Amino acid sequence: MRINDLVGETTEYDKKLKVELRKPKSWCKSISAFANTLGGALIFGVSDENEIIGLDNPVKDAEKISEIIKTKLNPIPEFKMSFRKVEDNILIILEVFKGDETPYYYYNDGSLEAYIRIGNESVKASPTELQRLVLRGRNKSYDSHKSMYKIRDYSFSKLRERYKKWTGYSFDEKNLISFGLADEEGYLTIAGSLIVDDSPVHHSRLFCTRWNGLNKSSGVLDALDEAEYEGSVISLIENGEAFIKRNAKMMWRKTANSREEMPDYVERSYHEALVNAIAHRDYLIYGSEVHIDIYDDRMEIYSPGGMPDGSIIQDRDPLTVPSTRRNPVLADIFNRLGYMERKGSGFAKIIDNYAFQINYKEDKKPYFRSDRYQFTVIMPNLNYSDKKEDSLNDQNRTDDTINVQKGADDIINDTINVQKGADDIINDTLNVQKGADDIINDTINIQKDAGDIINDQDATNHKINTQDGTDNIINHQSDVKDEIEITMEEIKILEIMKNKPDITIKQLTVILSGISNRTITRNIVMLKKKGLLERVGSRKKGYWKVKR
């Protein structure tokens, strides 16, 4: 028989071979832990190997259990005791219910000890956990607790700005009290002290690092980027998301009518993970902060404090975990500001938004890790591959990872071949080469009927003479006879934009290897001044128009 058939599939339980009367601590601490956490059951008469042994005198044992609970547990938790006959053996099943008068202590040799449930173990509560049990017994959360800080000494500009942006209404100072951020005496609550502009809660900080490699010490340089933020929790969210965007890449691929974006990380997923980390972290734990750690293959968002109910997330299905708010006041204000929802679907949002991505694979599914003191969300880099030839993060993107060949559907003209050591020939298919003279021959169509070849070694000062009858990227009008100075870099940019009007500057830097983002931007400005290029539409949805 399965143990869960005795107590239910979702019930936490402990097994005891017999009722220890001389050393009742072995099972009394489980009663304390169950009452202080989510409840559970003790099964007497079963070995650690799940062998049904039974009890010799179950009636007498039941009387002793009841007597010891009443003398050793304070306050006395609510419980229910029953007998179960299995294979001619009698078992005692002691059900302990979650208590409202926490902490429930076990009296041991003159001292009171409170236990909590962590995974499948009953462990002694730490001072921080004990403090939380005391608050729960008073039906209060830590973030609703009165602080020593006065409203008059702090400003709320970030709160006012976000509230106005989200709701359309101005923030009334009376809301500080109605939202649980302050009391009638003018003192901030803990939640209020976390949301003010210059938060006095020093351990409410955010540490962000972009590590160089797959761990914290895998490269010559340990970190490629790092930042430390403090202040209002609103600022922590904004700065954290900005750091992630600064260190994440966006890949894309061309389709018949548009393009498909392939981000390293899903914005809605990491937004949810970061907001949850700040809203649900354990602010009773001092000397520990929320961390964002970005590696080559993943991003980890860490927050102090395990699951509020004491369970281990690895042992549970995250999609079925009910919402439990460690800091209900802070969670409520985050809901009012549009950062999170009341229904508590954070785990599902993180996972589902990943699954909707076109570059998602099952091995890229986000996962979660927790223990007694921390909770971590791990989100894989959707564009990372440990195979060098497939890696989208290889440093030589234009040589090893953007290897587009003839016949492929690519971003320029179905045939971008990147080679080294060969002469560059622009022939309806942009071939990029290093070290050889650039030859533009017959295919740029500088003249439709004439075979002008631009082969000037000074690549920064070419002159293109447009004449009657030409039909090319410089001049489509037969009556224009002006002489325009144009560089080789500008010619390349125009040719690319002619074939791919919706290309971005970031994508140009990938194709035009060796030309910086700043240089490309400068060339585009010059092309606009020369009347050769025009931007049509918005920055995100617009396109480039080659004019002459």
Protein backbone atom coordinates (compact mmCIF):
# COMPACT_ATOMS: atom_id res chain seq x y z
CA MET A 1 0.00 0.00 0.00
CA ARG A 2 1.19 3.49 -0.82
CA ILE A 3 1.56 5.88 2.10
CA ASN A 4 -0.37 8.54 0.19
CA ASP A 5 -3.32 6.17 0.10
CA LEU A 6 -3.44 6.57 3.88
CA VAL A 7 -3.16 10.36 4.18
CA GLY A 8 -3.94 11.79 0.73
CA GLU A 9 -1.81 12.69 -2.28
CA THR A 10 -1.01 16.26 -1.22
CA THR A 11 -0.58 15.81 2.52
CA GLU A 12 2.87 16.20 4.09
CA TYR A 13 3.67 13.30 6.39
CA ASP A 14 6.27 11.71 8.64
CA LYS A 15 6.60 7.99 9.42
CA LYS A 16 7.41 6.54 12.82
CA LEU A 17 8.01 2.89 13.54
CA LYS A 18 6.64 3.22 17.06
CA VAL A 19 5.57 5.80 19.63
CA GLU A 20 8.70 6.92 21.48
CA LEU A 21 7.56 7.72 25.02
CA ARG A 22 10.93 8.43 26.65
CA LYS A 23 12.14 10.60 23.76
CA PRO A 24 8.99 12.16 22.33
CA LYS A 25 10.94 14.99 20.67
CA SER A 26 11.44 12.82 17.57
CA TRP A 27 7.76 13.13 16.74
CA CYS A 28 6.70 16.18 18.78
CA LYS A 29 8.89 18.45 16.64
CA SER A 30 6.95 17.22 13.60
CA ILE A 31 3.69 18.24 15.27
CA SER A 32 5.12 21.71 15.98
CA ALA A 33 6.38 22.00 12.40
CA PHE A 34 3.09 20.92 10.83
CA ALA A 35 1.10 23.36 12.99
CA ASN A 36 3.50 26.21 12.19
CA THR A 37 3.50 25.53 8.46
CA LEU A 38 0.75 23.95 6.34
CA GLY A 39 -0.35 21.03 8.46
CA GLY A 40 0.46 17.37 7.90
CA ALA A 41 0.19 13.85 9.27
CA LEU A 42 2.20 11.47 11.46
CA ILE A 43 1.86 7.76 10.73
CA PHE A 44 2.85 5.43 13.58
CA GLY A 45 3.60 1.79 12.75
CA VAL A 46 5.48 2.23 9.45
CA SER A 47 9.23 1.84 8.96
CA ASP A 48 11.48 4.25 7.04
CA GLU A 49 11.39 1.75 4.17
CA ASN A 50 7.56 2.02 4.05
CA GLU A 51 7.12 -1.46 5.53
CA ILE A 52 3.84 -1.83 7.42
CA ILE A 53 4.78 -3.09 10.92
CA GLY A 54 1.82 -2.02 13.04
CA LEU A 55 1.61 -1.24 16.77
CA ASP A 56 1.37 -3.77 19.60
CA ASN A 57 -0.97 -1.69 21.76
CA PRO A 58 -2.43 1.07 19.59
CA VAL A 59 -5.11 2.14 22.10
CA LYS A 60 -2.56 2.76 24.87
CA ASP A 61 -0.23 4.49 22.40
CA ALA A 62 -3.03 6.81 21.31
CA GLU A 63 -3.69 7.82 24.91
CA LYS A 64 -0.01 8.60 25.46
CA ILE A 65 0.20 10.63 22.24
CA SER A 66 -2.76 12.76 23.31
CA GLU A 67 -1.31 13.26 26.80
CA ILE A 68 2.15 14.28 25.54
CA ILE A 69 0.72 16.75 23.02
CA LYS A 70 -1.21 18.49 25.80
CA THR A 71 1.83 18.72 28.09
CA LYS A 72 4.64 19.31 25.58
CA LEU A 73 3.06 21.60 22.93
CA ASN A 74 2.16 25.22 23.62
CA PRO A 75 -0.31 26.35 22.48
CA ILE A 76 -2.02 23.03 21.84
CA PRO A 77 -2.51 22.61 18.08
CA GLU A 78 -5.67 21.27 16.55
CA PHE A 79 -5.30 17.59 15.67
CA LYS A 80 -7.27 14.46 14.83
CA MET A 81 -6.25 10.88 15.64
CA SER A 82 -7.56 7.73 13.96
CA PHE A 83 -6.76 4.02 13.59
CA ARG A 84 -6.22 2.25 10.30
CA LYS A 85 -6.02 -1.51 9.77
CA VAL A 86 -3.64 -2.54 7.00
CA GLU A 87 -2.76 -6.19 6.33
CA ASP A 88 -3.85 -7.20 9.85
CA ASN A 89 -1.67 -4.44 11.33
CA ILE A 90 -3.07 -1.47 13.24
CA LEU A 91 -1.62 1.98 12.48
CA ILE A 92 -2.23 5.33 14.16
CA ILE A 93 -2.67 8.32 11.88
CA LEU A 94 -2.28 11.68 13.62
CA GLU A 95 -3.49 14.61 11.48
CA VAL A 96 -2.17 18.03 12.54
CA PHE A 97 -3.90 21.11 11.14
CA LYS A 98 -2.30 24.41 10.18
CA GLY A 99 -2.55 26.71 13.18
CA ASP A 100 -3.57 30.34 13.51
CA GLU A 101 -1.90 30.95 16.89
CA THR A 102 1.70 30.59 15.76
CA PRO A 103 4.32 29.95 16.91
CA TYR A 104 3.53 26.48 18.29
CA TYR A 105 6.36 25.56 20.66
CA TYR A 106 7.68 22.23 21.84
CA TYR A 107 8.68 22.32 25.51
CA ASN A 108 12.07 20.62 25.81
CA ASP A 109 14.18 20.50 28.99
CA GLY A 110 13.05 23.89 30.23
CA SER A 111 13.20 25.69 26.87
CA LEU A 112 10.66 26.42 24.17
CA GLU A 113 11.53 25.40 20.61
CA ALA A 114 9.49 26.17 17.50
CA TYR A 115 9.84 24.04 14.38
CA ILE A 116 8.86 24.60 10.77
CA ARG A 117 8.52 22.34 7.77
CA ILE A 118 11.13 22.66 5.01
CA GLY A 119 10.56 20.11 2.27
CA ASN A 120 10.16 16.76 4.02
CA GLU A 121 12.06 17.79 7.14
CA SER A 122 11.06 19.40 10.43
CA VAL A 123 13.72 21.97 11.35
CA LYS A 124 14.12 24.40 14.21
CA ALA A 125 12.93 27.89 13.31
CA SER A 126 15.64 30.53 12.97
CA PRO A 127 15.21 33.89 14.77
CA THR A 128 13.94 35.42 11.52
CA GLU A 129 11.48 32.59 10.95
CA LEU A 130 10.35 32.79 14.57
CA GLN A 131 9.70 36.51 14.18
CA ARG A 132 7.58 35.80 11.14
CA LEU A 133 5.59 33.18 13.04
CA VAL A 134 4.92 35.71 15.79
CA LEU A 135 3.62 38.21 13.23
CA ARG A 136 1.43 35.54 11.64
CA GLY A 137 0.01 34.64 15.04
CA ARG A 138 -1.02 38.29 15.36
CA ASN A 139 -2.52 38.19 11.87
CA LYS A 140 0.04 40.72 10.63
CA SER A 141 2.66 40.71 7.91
CA TYR A 142 6.09 42.23 8.29
CA ASP A 143 5.52 44.79 5.54
CA SER A 144 2.42 46.09 7.37
CA HIS A 145 4.47 46.65 10.53
CA LYS A 146 4.99 50.23 11.71
CA SER A 147 8.47 51.61 11.01
CA MET A 148 10.41 54.35 12.78
CA TYR A 149 10.29 56.65 9.74
CA LYS A 150 8.00 59.68 9.39
CA ILE A 151 6.10 60.59 6.21
CA ARG A 152 7.29 64.20 6.37
CA ASP A 153 10.95 63.18 6.02
CA TYR A 154 10.58 61.41 2.66
CA SER A 155 9.43 62.11 -0.89
CA PHE A 156 7.25 59.95 -3.13
CA SER A 157 8.03 61.25 -6.63
CA LYS A 158 8.59 57.77 -8.14
CA LEU A 159 5.30 56.55 -6.67
CA ARG A 160 3.42 59.62 -7.92
CA GLU A 161 4.95 59.35 -11.38
CA ARG A 162 4.16 55.66 -11.80
CA TYR A 163 0.65 55.99 -10.34
CA LYS A 164 -0.18 58.84 -12.74
CA LYS A 165 1.24 56.94 -15.69
CA TRP A 166 -0.70 53.75 -14.94
CA THR A 167 -4.04 55.09 -13.66
CA GLY A 168 -4.22 58.53 -15.24
CA TYR A 169 -4.95 60.06 -11.83
CA SER A 170 -2.80 62.12 -9.48
CA PHE A 171 -1.70 60.37 -6.30
CA ASP A 172 -3.48 61.74 -3.21
CA GLU A 173 -1.43 61.65 -0.01
CA LYS A 174 -4.48 60.20 1.73
CA ASN A 175 -3.82 57.06 -0.28
CA LEU A 176 -0.69 56.43 1.80
CA ILE A 177 -2.91 55.41 4.70
CA SER A 178 -5.63 53.64 2.70
CA PHE A 179 -3.01 51.66 0.77
CA GLY A 180 -1.27 50.57 3.99
CA LEU A 181 1.90 52.59 3.36
CA ALA A 182 1.53 54.75 6.49
CA ASP A 183 -0.53 54.98 9.68
CA GLU A 184 -2.71 57.69 11.19
CA GLU A 185 0.19 58.94 13.31
CA GLY A 186 2.26 59.85 10.27
CA TYR A 187 4.65 56.89 10.42
CA LEU A 188 5.50 54.81 7.38
CA THR A 189 4.92 51.09 7.41
CA ILE A 190 7.74 48.81 6.25
CA ALA A 191 6.08 48.73 2.81
CA GLY A 192 5.96 52.53 2.81
CA SER A 193 9.63 52.79 3.73
CA LEU A 194 10.46 50.51 0.79
CA ILE A 195 8.61 52.61 -1.78
CA VAL A 196 9.86 56.12 -0.88
CA ASP A 197 12.42 57.67 -3.23
CA ASP A 198 15.40 57.33 -0.90
CA SER A 199 14.46 54.14 0.91
CA PRO A 200 16.04 53.91 4.37
CA VAL A 201 15.89 50.10 4.19
CA HIS A 202 19.56 49.58 3.35
CA HIS A 203 19.29 45.90 2.43
CA SER A 204 16.62 46.72 -0.17
CA ARG A 205 19.12 46.84 -3.03
CA LEU A 206 19.60 45.24 -6.42
CA PHE A 207 22.93 43.81 -7.59
CA CYS A 208 23.26 43.21 -11.35
CA THR A 209 26.16 41.46 -13.12
CA ARG A 210 26.80 40.31 -16.67
CA TRP A 211 29.35 37.55 -16.12
CA ASN A 212 31.93 36.58 -18.72
CA GLY A 213 31.13 32.96 -19.46
CA LEU A 214 28.98 30.21 -17.98
CA ASN A 215 29.83 30.85 -14.33
CA LYS A 216 31.33 33.54 -12.13
CA SER A 217 34.95 32.66 -12.89
CA SER A 218 35.12 31.22 -16.39
CA GLY A 219 36.85 34.05 -18.23
CA VAL A 220 39.93 36.23 -18.07
CA LEU A 221 37.58 39.07 -17.18
CA ASP A 222 35.13 38.06 -14.46
CA ALA A 223 32.41 40.54 -15.42
CA LEU A 224 31.52 42.39 -18.61
CA ASP A 225 29.06 44.74 -16.92
CA GLU A 226 27.85 45.34 -13.38
CA ALA A 227 25.70 47.77 -11.44
CA GLU A 228 24.30 48.26 -7.95
CA TYR A 229 20.99 50.02 -7.38
CA GLU A 230 19.21 51.28 -4.29
CA GLY A 231 16.27 53.53 -3.47
CA SER A 232 12.57 53.00 -4.13
CA VAL A 233 11.49 49.50 -5.13
CA ILE A 234 10.00 51.19 -8.21
CA SER A 235 13.50 52.37 -9.19
CA LEU A 236 14.86 48.87 -8.59
CA ILE A 237 12.38 47.42 -11.08
CA GLU A 238 13.09 50.09 -13.70
CA ASN A 239 16.88 49.92 -13.34
CA GLY A 240 16.91 46.12 -13.27
CA GLU A 241 14.96 45.87 -16.52
CA ALA A 242 17.20 48.49 -18.14
CA PHE A 243 20.29 46.48 -17.15
CA ILE A 244 18.84 43.31 -18.68
CA LYS A 245 17.97 45.08 -21.94
CA ARG A 246 21.46 46.54 -22.11
CA ASN A 247 23.02 43.08 -21.87
CA ALA A 248 20.57 41.04 -23.95
CA LYS A 249 20.62 40.66 -27.73
CA MET A 250 17.83 40.55 -30.27
CA MET A 251 18.29 38.27 -33.28
CA TRP A 252 15.88 38.18 -36.21
CA ARG A 253 15.23 36.40 -39.45
CA LYS A 254 13.53 37.39 -42.66
CA THR A 255 10.18 35.95 -43.74
CA ALA A 256 8.28 36.44 -46.96
CA ASN A 257 6.43 39.54 -45.80
CA SER A 258 8.09 40.61 -42.58
CA ARG A 259 10.68 39.50 -40.07
CA GLU A 260 10.61 37.36 -36.92
CA GLU A 261 12.35 38.62 -33.80
CA MET A 262 14.25 36.15 -31.62
CA PRO A 263 15.27 37.66 -28.25
CA ASP A 264 17.83 36.16 -25.91
CA TYR A 265 15.36 36.58 -23.05
CA VAL A 266 11.60 37.17 -23.03
CA GLU A 267 10.78 40.61 -21.62
CA ARG A 268 7.44 39.64 -20.07
CA SER A 269 9.07 36.66 -18.36
CA TYR A 270 12.00 38.51 -16.81
CA HIS A 271 9.72 41.41 -15.86
CA GLU A 272 7.51 38.99 -13.92
CA ALA A 273 10.51 37.29 -12.30
CA LEU A 274 12.07 40.59 -11.21
CA VAL A 275 8.82 42.03 -9.84
CA ASN A 276 8.16 38.82 -7.90
CA ALA A 277 11.70 38.82 -6.51
CA ILE A 278 11.27 42.33 -5.12
CA ALA A 279 7.65 41.93 -4.01
CA HIS A 280 8.02 38.55 -2.29
CA ARG A 281 11.58 38.62 -0.93
CA ASP A 282 12.05 38.17 2.82
CA TYR A 283 12.82 41.66 4.13
CA LEU A 284 13.49 40.21 7.57
CA ILE A 285 16.73 38.73 6.20
CA TYR A 286 19.42 41.38 6.58
CA GLY A 287 22.68 41.44 4.64
CA SER A 288 21.19 39.86 1.52
CA GLU A 289 19.88 41.51 -1.64
CA VAL A 290 18.08 40.66 -4.86
CA HIS A 291 20.53 39.66 -7.60
CA ILE A 292 20.35 39.56 -11.40
CA ASP A 293 23.14 37.37 -12.77
CA ILE A 294 23.43 37.09 -16.55
CA TYR A 295 25.70 34.39 -18.00
CA ASP A 296 26.31 33.37 -21.60
CA ASP A 297 23.64 30.66 -21.49
CA ARG A 298 21.15 31.87 -18.86
CA MET A 299 19.89 34.58 -16.54
CA GLU A 300 19.29 33.96 -12.83
CA ILE A 301 17.18 36.22 -10.61
CA TYR A 302 17.78 35.49 -6.94
CA SER A 303 15.82 36.76 -3.95
CA PRO A 304 16.34 36.19 -0.20
CA GLY A 305 13.82 33.88 1.44
CA GLY A 306 12.44 30.52 0.35
CA MET A 307 8.83 29.64 -0.45
CA PRO A 308 6.49 31.40 2.03
CA ASP A 309 4.82 28.11 2.93
CA GLY A 310 8.15 26.38 3.62
CA SER A 311 7.90 23.97 0.69
CA ILE A 312 10.66 23.35 -1.86
CA ILE A 313 9.74 24.45 -5.38
CA GLN A 314 11.75 21.60 -6.96
CA ASP A 315 9.33 19.15 -5.29
CA ARG A 316 6.24 20.84 -6.72
CA ASP A 317 4.62 21.62 -10.04
CA PRO A 318 5.07 25.40 -10.35
CA LEU A 319 1.92 25.67 -12.46
CA THR A 320 -0.22 24.37 -9.58
CA VAL A 321 1.37 26.29 -6.68
CA PRO A 322 -1.27 28.55 -5.10
CA SER A 323 -0.52 32.23 -4.67
CA THR A 324 0.97 33.08 -1.26
CA ARG A 325 2.00 36.67 -0.57
CA ARG A 326 4.78 37.13 1.93
CA ASN A 327 4.39 40.91 1.72
CA PRO A 328 0.69 41.54 0.98
CA VAL A 329 0.85 45.34 1.33
CA LEU A 330 3.73 45.62 -1.12
CA ALA A 331 2.06 43.15 -3.49
CA ASP A 332 -1.14 45.20 -3.37
CA ILE A 333 0.60 48.48 -4.24
CA PHE A 334 2.45 46.71 -7.09
CA ASN A 335 -0.95 45.64 -8.39
CA ARG A 336 -2.22 49.22 -8.19
CA LEU A 337 0.84 50.37 -10.13
CA GLY A 338 0.37 47.76 -12.86
CA TYR A 339 3.39 45.64 -12.01
CA MET A 340 1.56 42.46 -11.00
CA GLU A 341 -1.88 40.89 -10.90
CA ARG A 342 -3.94 39.89 -7.89
CA LYS A 343 -4.61 36.38 -9.15
CA GLY A 344 -0.99 35.37 -8.66
CA SER A 345 -0.07 33.61 -11.91
CA GLY A 346 3.62 34.54 -11.93
CA PHE A 347 5.09 31.07 -12.50
CA ALA A 348 2.73 30.41 -15.42
CA LYS A 349 3.54 33.78 -17.02
CA ILE A 350 7.27 33.15 -16.87
CA ILE A 351 6.94 29.70 -18.44
CA ASP A 352 4.17 30.40 -20.97
CA ASN A 353 5.73 33.55 -22.43
CA TYR A 354 8.88 31.56 -23.15
CA ALA A 355 6.88 28.82 -24.85
CA PHE A 356 5.33 31.34 -27.27
CA GLN A 357 8.72 32.31 -28.77
CA ILE A 358 9.61 31.03 -32.24
CA ASN A 359 13.12 30.06 -31.10
CA TYR A 360 11.83 28.16 -28.03
CA LYS A 361 12.76 24.53 -27.43
CA GLU A 362 11.78 22.31 -24.52
CA ASP A 363 15.30 22.41 -23.09
CA LYS A 364 14.97 26.21 -22.88
CA LYS A 365 12.07 26.07 -20.44
CA PRO A 366 12.53 28.32 -17.37
CA TYR A 367 12.85 26.53 -14.05
CA PHE A 368 12.97 27.38 -10.37
CA ARG A 369 15.14 26.51 -7.40
CA SER A 370 14.59 27.19 -3.71
CA ASP A 371 15.71 26.19 -0.26
CA ARG A 372 15.11 27.50 3.21
CA TYR A 373 16.84 30.83 2.59
CA GLN A 374 16.53 31.71 -1.11
CA PHE A 375 14.47 31.49 -4.27
CA THR A 376 15.97 31.62 -7.77
CA VAL A 377 14.38 31.83 -11.22
CA ILE A 378 16.57 30.47 -14.04
CA MET A 379 15.71 31.62 -17.57
CA PRO A 380 17.80 30.09 -20.40
CA ASN A 381 19.20 32.21 -23.23
CA LEU A 382 16.99 31.22 -26.17
CA ASN A 383 19.74 32.02 -28.68
CA TYR A 384 22.56 30.19 -26.91
CA SER A 385 23.99 26.94 -28.19
CA ASP A 386 27.05 25.12 -26.89
CA LYS A 387 27.83 24.04 -30.47
CA LYS A 388 30.30 26.53 -31.91
CA GLU A 389 28.88 26.37 -35.40
CA ASP A 390 25.35 27.11 -34.19
CA SER A 391 26.08 29.56 -31.41
CA LEU A 392 24.43 32.94 -31.75
CA ASN A 393 26.71 34.29 -29.06
CA ASP A 394 30.03 33.50 -30.70
CA GLN A 395 32.22 36.60 -30.85
CA ASN A 396 32.78 36.25 -34.59
CA ARG A 397 29.13 36.58 -35.54
CA THR A 398 29.84 37.52 -39.15
CA ASP A 399 32.16 34.57 -39.79
CA ASP A 400 30.97 31.59 -37.77
CA THR A 401 27.35 32.27 -36.93
CA ILE A 402 25.91 34.32 -39.76
CA ASN A 403 27.02 31.99 -42.53
CA VAL A 404 24.33 32.58 -45.08
CA GLN A 405 24.83 30.69 -48.34
CA LYS A 406 23.39 30.80 -51.84
CA GLY A 407 19.81 29.63 -51.99
CA ALA A 408 19.06 30.56 -48.37
CA ASP A 409 16.43 33.09 -47.38
CA ASP A 410 18.57 35.82 -45.79
CA ILE A 411 18.33 39.44 -44.84
CA ILE A 412 19.94 40.95 -47.94
CA ASN A 413 19.31 39.17 -51.20
CA ASP A 414 19.15 35.47 -50.35
CA THR A 415 22.91 35.18 -50.85
CA ILE A 416 25.19 36.86 -48.31
CA ASN A 417 28.43 34.95 -48.42
CA VAL A 418 31.07 35.97 -45.90
CA GLN A 419 34.54 34.99 -47.04
CA LYS A 420 38.12 35.91 -46.26
CA GLY A 421 40.94 36.33 -48.74
CA ALA A 422 38.79 36.57 -51.87
CA ASP A 423 38.09 39.55 -54.11
CA ASP A 424 34.84 41.28 -53.21
CA ILE A 425 32.36 41.35 -56.05
CA ILE A 426 29.01 43.05 -55.64
CA ASN A 427 26.88 41.02 -58.04
CA ASP A 428 23.25 41.08 -56.76
CA THR A 429 24.58 39.13 -53.77
CA LEU A 430 26.66 41.10 -51.26
CA ASN A 431 30.02 39.36 -50.74
CA VAL A 432 32.16 40.84 -47.95
CA GLN A 433 35.94 40.34 -48.04
CA LYS A 434 38.98 41.59 -46.17
CA GLY A 435 42.34 42.50 -47.64
CA ALA A 436 41.42 42.67 -51.33
CA ASP A 437 40.68 45.65 -53.54
CA ASP A 438 36.97 46.38 -53.73
CA ILE A 439 35.62 45.92 -57.24
CA ILE A 440 32.22 47.12 -58.17
CA ASN A 441 31.63 45.73 -61.65
CA ASP A 442 28.50 45.70 -63.78
CA THR A 443 26.14 44.77 -60.93
CA ILE A 444 25.55 47.95 -58.92
CA ASN A 445 24.16 49.44 -62.11
CA ILE A 446 25.87 52.80 -61.82
CA GLN A 447 25.05 53.05 -65.51
CA LYS A 448 22.54 50.88 -67.19
CA ASP A 449 24.14 50.91 -70.60
CA ALA A 450 27.75 51.86 -69.78
CA GLY A 451 30.24 49.64 -67.98
CA ASP A 452 31.66 52.18 -65.53
CA ILE A 453 33.85 50.55 -62.92
CA ILE A 454 34.61 52.27 -59.65
CA ASN A 455 38.03 51.15 -58.64
CA ASP A 456 39.44 54.16 -56.83
CA GLN A 457 41.78 53.16 -53.94
CA ASP A 458 40.62 56.14 -51.86
CA ALA A 459 37.48 54.48 -50.53
CA THR A 460 36.37 57.57 -48.71
CA ASN A 461 36.16 59.94 -51.69
CA HIS A 462 34.61 58.19 -54.73
CA LYS A 463 32.71 60.21 -57.22
CA ILE A 464 29.74 58.79 -59.00
CA ASN A 465 28.80 60.58 -62.18
CA THR A 466 25.15 60.06 -62.90
CA GLN A 467 24.08 60.63 -66.51
CA ASP A 468 21.08 60.37 -68.75
CA GLY A 469 19.73 56.87 -69.13
CA THR A 470 21.02 55.52 -65.78
CA ASP A 471 18.84 53.45 -63.52
CA ASN A 472 20.62 52.68 -60.24
CA ILE A 473 20.63 53.30 -56.50
CA ILE A 474 22.11 56.80 -56.94
CA ASN A 475 19.89 58.20 -59.66
CA HIS A 476 16.73 56.81 -61.21
CA GLN A 477 15.93 60.05 -63.08
CA SER A 478 17.40 60.42 -66.56
CA ASP A 479 17.62 64.19 -66.53
CA VAL A 480 19.82 64.63 -63.44
CA LYS A 481 23.44 65.53 -64.28
CA ASP A 482 24.74 66.63 -60.88
CA GLU A 483 27.97 65.17 -59.55
CA ILE A 484 27.69 63.66 -56.02
CA GLU A 485 30.58 62.61 -53.81
CA ILE A 486 29.90 59.28 -52.09
CA THR A 487 32.13 56.92 -50.16
CA MET A 488 32.41 53.18 -50.59
CA GLU A 489 30.87 52.64 -47.15
CA GLU A 490 27.87 54.73 -48.21
CA ILE A 491 27.51 52.71 -51.41
CA LYS A 492 27.42 49.49 -49.43
CA ILE A 493 24.80 50.88 -47.05
CA LEU A 494 22.60 52.05 -49.95
CA GLU A 495 22.86 48.69 -51.70
CA ILE A 496 21.87 46.84 -48.54
CA MET A 497 18.97 49.20 -47.83
CA LYS A 498 17.75 48.89 -51.40
CA ASN A 499 17.42 45.14 -50.95
CA LYS A 500 16.27 45.27 -47.32
CA PRO A 501 14.39 48.53 -46.57
CA ASP A 502 13.42 47.51 -43.00
CA ILE A 503 16.97 46.72 -41.86
CA THR A 504 18.15 48.23 -38.55
CA ILE A 505 21.46 49.92 -37.74
CA LYS A 506 22.23 47.08 -35.33
CA GLN A 507 21.81 44.54 -38.13
CA LEU A 508 23.99 46.64 -40.44
CA THR A 509 26.86 46.41 -37.93
CA VAL A 510 26.65 42.62 -38.16
CA ILE A 511 26.73 42.57 -41.96
CA LEU A 512 29.34 45.31 -42.39
CA SER A 513 31.95 43.65 -40.23
CA GLY A 514 34.57 46.08 -38.97
CA ILE A 515 32.38 49.19 -39.26
CA SER A 516 31.13 50.48 -35.93
CA ASN A 517 27.59 51.44 -35.01
CA ARG A 518 28.67 55.09 -34.70
CA THR A 519 30.31 55.13 -38.15
CA ILE A 520 27.23 53.60 -39.78
CA THR A 521 25.03 56.21 -38.09
CA ARG A 522 27.30 59.00 -39.35
CA ASN A 523 27.16 57.61 -42.90
CA ILE A 524 23.36 57.48 -42.78
CA VAL A 525 23.24 61.12 -41.66
CA MET A 526 25.47 62.10 -44.62
CA LEU A 527 23.33 60.11 -47.07
CA LYS A 528 20.26 61.96 -45.84
CA LYS A 529 22.01 65.32 -46.29
CA LYS A 530 23.01 64.35 -49.83
CA GLY A 531 19.39 63.57 -50.62
CA LEU A 532 20.14 59.92 -51.33
CA LEU A 533 18.27 58.38 -48.40
CA GLU A 534 15.03 58.99 -46.52
CA ARG A 535 13.50 57.39 -43.43
CA VAL A 536 9.78 56.70 -43.94
CA GLY A 537 7.60 56.06 -40.90
CA SER A 538 8.50 55.50 -37.24
CA ARG A 539 11.76 54.17 -35.81
CA LYS A 540 10.24 50.76 -35.08
CA LYS A 541 7.82 50.24 -37.96
CA GLY A 542 9.32 52.45 -40.66
CA TYR A 543 11.68 51.66 -43.55
CA TRP A 544 14.53 53.14 -45.57
CA LYS A 545 13.85 54.67 -49.00
CA VAL A 546 16.74 55.03 -51.44
CA LYS A 547 15.75 58.21 -53.26
CA ARG A 548 18.16 58.74 -56.17
